[in-house]
Amino acid sequence: MKVMSTKTLEKPDVDSDADIGNDDDSPKFFHYVRKNKIAESAVMGNYVVALCGETFPVTKSAKPGSPVCPDCKKIYDRMKK
């Protein structure tokens, strides 16, 4: 007869702010990108580079009040001076 052992697994820590892959495919943050590259990316599917360095294809447009990447915002604010 085989003896089986049982262990209790602890629940892993989960970041509640993490992108959980919801069905509406909305980004966690919107990034600052060169304006002339946005339309090109949306039409051609080219990747753009945000001020923070993240690269991605443009698939959504931000609406007023949308969450902005904090790193992009810091860089943009320094550029305006």
Protein backbone atom coordinates (compact mmCIF):
# COMPACT_ATOMS: atom_id res chain seq x y z
CA MET A 1 0.00 0.00 0.00
CA LYS A 2 1.30 3.46 -1.00
CA VAL A 3 1.28 6.24 1.55
CA MET A 4 0.50 9.69 0.20
CA SER A 5 1.52 12.82 2.00
CA THR A 6 -0.48 16.01 1.92
CA LYS A 7 0.79 19.53 2.18
CA THR A 8 -1.00 22.80 2.54
CA LEU A 9 0.09 25.25 -0.10
CA GLU A 10 0.22 28.89 0.88
CA LYS A 11 -1.64 31.39 -1.23
CA PRO A 12 0.94 33.32 -3.27
CA ASP A 13 1.19 37.08 -2.91
CA VAL A 14 -0.75 38.72 -5.72
CA ASP A 15 -0.31 42.31 -6.83
CA SER A 16 -3.84 43.65 -6.93
CA ASP A 17 -2.73 46.40 -9.34
CA ALA A 18 -1.31 43.92 -11.85
CA ASP A 19 -2.87 43.64 -15.29
CA ILE A 20 -4.99 40.51 -15.01
CA GLY A 21 -5.74 40.20 -18.70
CA ASN A 22 -9.34 41.32 -18.64
CA ASP A 23 -11.41 40.80 -21.77
CA ASP A 24 -11.69 44.47 -22.75
CA ASP A 25 -7.94 44.54 -23.52
CA SER A 26 -7.54 47.98 -21.96
CA PRO A 27 -4.00 49.03 -21.06
CA LYS A 28 -3.02 49.67 -17.47
CA PHE A 29 -1.44 53.03 -18.40
CA PHE A 30 -1.27 55.19 -21.46
CA HIS A 31 2.18 56.40 -22.49
CA TYR A 32 3.52 59.59 -24.07
CA VAL A 33 4.62 58.94 -27.66
CA ARG A 34 5.71 61.23 -30.52
CA LYS A 35 2.50 62.49 -32.11
CA ASN A 36 3.65 61.83 -35.69
CA LYS A 37 4.23 58.13 -34.90
CA ILE A 38 0.77 57.39 -33.44
CA ALA A 39 -1.22 57.26 -36.72
CA GLU A 40 1.55 55.35 -38.49
CA SER A 41 1.57 52.73 -35.75
CA ALA A 42 -2.23 52.46 -35.68
CA VAL A 43 -2.40 51.91 -39.46
CA MET A 44 0.78 49.95 -40.15
CA GLY A 45 1.16 48.14 -36.83
CA ASN A 46 4.68 49.52 -36.28
CA TYR A 47 5.96 49.67 -32.74
CA VAL A 48 6.38 53.06 -31.08
CA VAL A 49 8.77 53.99 -28.27
CA ALA A 50 7.28 55.83 -25.30
CA LEU A 51 9.21 58.45 -23.34
CA CYS A 52 9.76 55.87 -20.60
CA GLY A 53 11.33 53.46 -23.12
CA GLU A 54 8.48 50.95 -23.41
CA THR A 55 7.80 49.75 -26.96
CA PHE A 56 4.38 48.66 -28.23
CA PRO A 57 2.01 49.01 -31.19
CA VAL A 58 -0.70 51.65 -30.82
CA THR A 59 -4.04 49.88 -30.45
CA LYS A 60 -6.10 52.26 -28.30
CA SER A 61 -6.37 56.02 -27.93
CA ALA A 62 -6.45 57.65 -24.53
CA LYS A 63 -9.51 59.55 -23.43
CA PRO A 64 -9.42 62.50 -21.01
CA GLY A 65 -8.85 61.21 -17.50
CA SER A 66 -7.16 57.97 -18.62
CA PRO A 67 -4.33 56.75 -16.36
CA VAL A 68 -0.92 57.98 -17.56
CA CYS A 69 2.38 56.16 -17.09
CA PRO A 70 4.08 57.92 -14.14
CA ASP A 71 7.54 57.63 -15.73
CA CYS A 72 6.36 59.16 -19.01
CA LYS A 73 4.66 61.99 -17.11
CA LYS A 74 7.83 62.82 -15.14
CA ILE A 75 9.93 62.93 -18.31
CA TYR A 76 7.32 64.99 -20.18
CA ASP A 77 7.03 67.50 -17.32
CA ARG A 78 10.83 68.00 -17.35
CA MET A 79 10.80 68.54 -21.13
CA LYS A 80 8.23 71.37 -20.96
CA LYS A 81 10.55 73.65 -18.96
